[in-house]
Amino acid sequence: MEIRPYLITKSLVPENQESPIRFLLSQKIFTLRYFYHRNHFPYPSLLPDPYYLTIGGLVQHPSYFHLEQLKSMPSKSFVIPLECAGNQQDKFTPKVFGEQWKDGAISQAEWKGVPLKDLLLKAGLEKDAKEVCRC
């Protein structure tokens, strides 16, 4: 785990660090060094060669997509904010369980990748499916 002196550390295991939002309000895109980190678990070990994405459950064609396949697929890019649901949780009365975030659990970046919709279409998502989750 890395202590990032430009972020406000809440915990290191799992890593939870706030953005110094007051310094970033005029920026459209936050650089990675100022992007907040919110984790419920330690980071998994990922190596690029064996990395793949599995889609299963209520699909007609359970699928595996290797990282190189994903990189070669059409992608889209959007500038979008990402905010933790617990942002400003330190203001709750009475206090609630969890990290006591101030106002720095929000950041904005350019996100690029294969749309999940495209991957679910390839896998043949069943009409009865209700949610998508990482298991």
Protein backbone atom coordinates (compact mmCIF):
# COMPACT_ATOMS: atom_id res chain seq x y z
CA MET A 1 0.00 0.00 0.00
CA GLU A 2 1.27 3.45 -0.83
CA ILE A 3 0.84 6.53 1.33
CA ARG A 4 0.01 9.36 -1.04
CA PRO A 5 0.95 12.66 0.64
CA TYR A 6 -1.33 14.65 -1.70
CA LEU A 7 -4.42 12.70 -0.50
CA ILE A 8 -6.09 12.63 2.91
CA THR A 9 -5.59 9.11 4.31
CA LYS A 10 -8.56 7.49 6.07
CA SER A 11 -7.11 3.95 6.13
CA LEU A 12 -4.44 1.99 4.28
CA VAL A 13 -5.83 -1.57 4.49
CA PRO A 14 -8.16 -1.38 2.75
CA GLU A 15 -6.98 1.80 1.05
CA ASN A 16 -9.29 4.79 1.55
CA GLN A 17 -7.95 8.23 0.72
CA GLU A 18 -9.80 11.48 -0.03
CA SER A 19 -9.02 14.00 -2.73
CA PRO A 20 -8.00 17.45 -1.51
CA ILE A 21 -11.16 18.76 -3.17
CA ARG A 22 -10.69 22.43 -2.25
CA PHE A 23 -7.58 22.55 -4.48
CA LEU A 24 -9.25 20.77 -7.40
CA LEU A 25 -12.57 22.56 -7.87
CA SER A 26 -11.36 24.47 -10.93
CA GLN A 27 -10.11 21.35 -12.74
CA LYS A 28 -12.23 19.48 -15.27
CA ILE A 29 -10.20 16.26 -14.99
CA PHE A 30 -8.38 15.10 -11.86
CA THR A 31 -4.98 13.55 -12.44
CA LEU A 32 -4.52 10.06 -11.02
CA ARG A 33 -2.40 11.36 -8.14
CA TYR A 34 -5.39 13.39 -6.86
CA PHE A 35 -8.13 10.82 -7.56
CA TYR A 36 -9.75 9.49 -4.38
CA HIS A 37 -9.39 5.81 -3.45
CA ARG A 38 -12.30 3.88 -1.91
CA ASN A 39 -11.93 0.20 -1.18
CA HIS A 40 -13.74 -2.31 0.97
CA PHE A 41 -11.10 -5.02 0.49
CA PRO A 42 -7.35 -5.21 -0.19
CA TYR A 43 -6.29 -5.02 -3.83
CA PRO A 44 -6.23 -8.34 -5.70
CA SER A 45 -3.02 -9.40 -7.43
CA LEU A 46 -3.51 -8.97 -11.16
CA LEU A 47 -1.03 -9.90 -13.85
CA PRO A 48 -1.77 -8.77 -17.41
CA ASP A 49 -1.15 -12.14 -19.08
CA PRO A 50 -3.69 -14.30 -17.26
CA TYR A 51 -6.20 -11.46 -16.77
CA TYR A 52 -9.65 -12.10 -18.18
CA LEU A 53 -13.21 -11.00 -17.56
CA THR A 54 -15.85 -13.66 -17.02
CA ILE A 55 -19.54 -13.12 -17.74
CA GLY A 56 -21.86 -15.79 -16.38
CA GLY A 57 -25.19 -16.15 -14.66
CA LEU A 58 -28.35 -15.43 -16.62
CA VAL A 59 -26.69 -15.38 -20.05
CA GLN A 60 -27.11 -17.63 -23.07
CA HIS A 61 -23.36 -17.82 -23.75
CA PRO A 62 -21.13 -17.69 -20.65
CA SER A 63 -18.08 -15.78 -21.88
CA TYR A 64 -14.43 -15.11 -21.11
CA PHE A 65 -12.75 -11.99 -22.47
CA HIS A 66 -8.96 -11.83 -22.24
CA LEU A 67 -7.47 -8.39 -21.57
CA GLU A 68 -6.03 -8.27 -25.09
CA GLN A 69 -9.49 -9.01 -26.57
CA LEU A 70 -10.99 -6.17 -24.54
CA LYS A 71 -8.26 -3.79 -25.72
CA SER A 72 -9.03 -4.64 -29.36
CA MET A 73 -12.81 -4.07 -29.07
CA PRO A 74 -14.49 -0.76 -29.92
CA SER A 75 -14.47 1.51 -26.91
CA LYS A 76 -16.06 4.75 -25.82
CA SER A 77 -14.70 7.63 -23.81
CA PHE A 78 -16.55 9.96 -21.42
CA VAL A 79 -15.63 12.61 -18.86
CA ILE A 80 -17.68 11.62 -15.82
CA PRO A 81 -17.51 12.29 -12.09
CA LEU A 82 -17.29 9.39 -9.67
CA GLU A 83 -18.58 9.91 -6.13
CA CYS A 84 -18.64 7.52 -3.21
CA ALA A 85 -22.10 7.12 -1.67
CA GLY A 86 -20.48 7.94 1.67
CA ASN A 87 -19.15 11.34 0.57
CA GLN A 88 -19.70 13.87 3.40
CA GLN A 89 -20.61 11.04 5.77
CA ASP A 90 -18.82 12.92 8.56
CA LYS A 91 -21.77 15.34 8.64
CA PHE A 92 -24.34 12.68 9.60
CA THR A 93 -26.01 12.99 12.99
CA PRO A 94 -25.98 10.57 14.62
CA LYS A 95 -22.70 9.20 13.25
CA VAL A 96 -23.00 6.11 11.05
CA PHE A 97 -20.67 3.13 10.66
CA GLY A 98 -17.96 3.43 8.05
CA GLU A 99 -15.28 5.82 6.87
CA GLN A 100 -15.99 9.36 7.99
CA TRP A 101 -15.49 10.99 4.60
CA LYS A 102 -15.49 14.76 4.46
CA ASP A 103 -16.08 16.16 0.95
CA GLY A 104 -13.20 14.56 -0.98
CA ALA A 105 -14.77 11.22 -1.98
CA ILE A 106 -15.50 12.61 -5.43
CA SER A 107 -13.29 12.95 -8.50
CA GLN A 108 -13.71 13.43 -12.22
CA ALA A 109 -11.80 11.73 -15.01
CA GLU A 110 -11.95 10.62 -18.60
CA TRP A 111 -13.08 6.98 -18.59
CA LYS A 112 -12.45 4.76 -21.58
CA GLY A 113 -13.46 1.18 -22.18
CA VAL A 114 -15.71 -1.32 -23.85
CA PRO A 115 -19.32 -0.56 -22.92
CA LEU A 116 -20.72 -3.20 -20.56
CA LYS A 117 -23.85 -3.27 -22.72
CA ASP A 118 -21.78 -4.59 -25.66
CA LEU A 119 -20.25 -7.38 -23.56
CA LEU A 120 -23.65 -8.37 -22.15
CA LEU A 121 -25.10 -8.47 -25.67
CA LYS A 122 -22.29 -10.80 -26.80
CA ALA A 123 -23.00 -13.06 -23.83
CA GLY A 124 -26.75 -13.04 -24.56
CA LEU A 125 -28.11 -11.50 -21.37
CA GLU A 126 -31.42 -13.09 -20.38
CA LYS A 127 -34.42 -10.78 -20.04
CA ASP A 128 -35.00 -11.97 -16.44
CA ALA A 129 -31.58 -10.72 -15.25
CA LYS A 130 -31.96 -8.01 -12.59
CA GLU A 131 -28.44 -6.93 -11.67
CA VAL A 132 -24.79 -7.16 -12.69
CA CYS A 133 -22.20 -7.70 -10.00
CA ARG A 134 -18.54 -8.58 -9.61
CA CYS A 135 -18.33 -11.90 -7.82
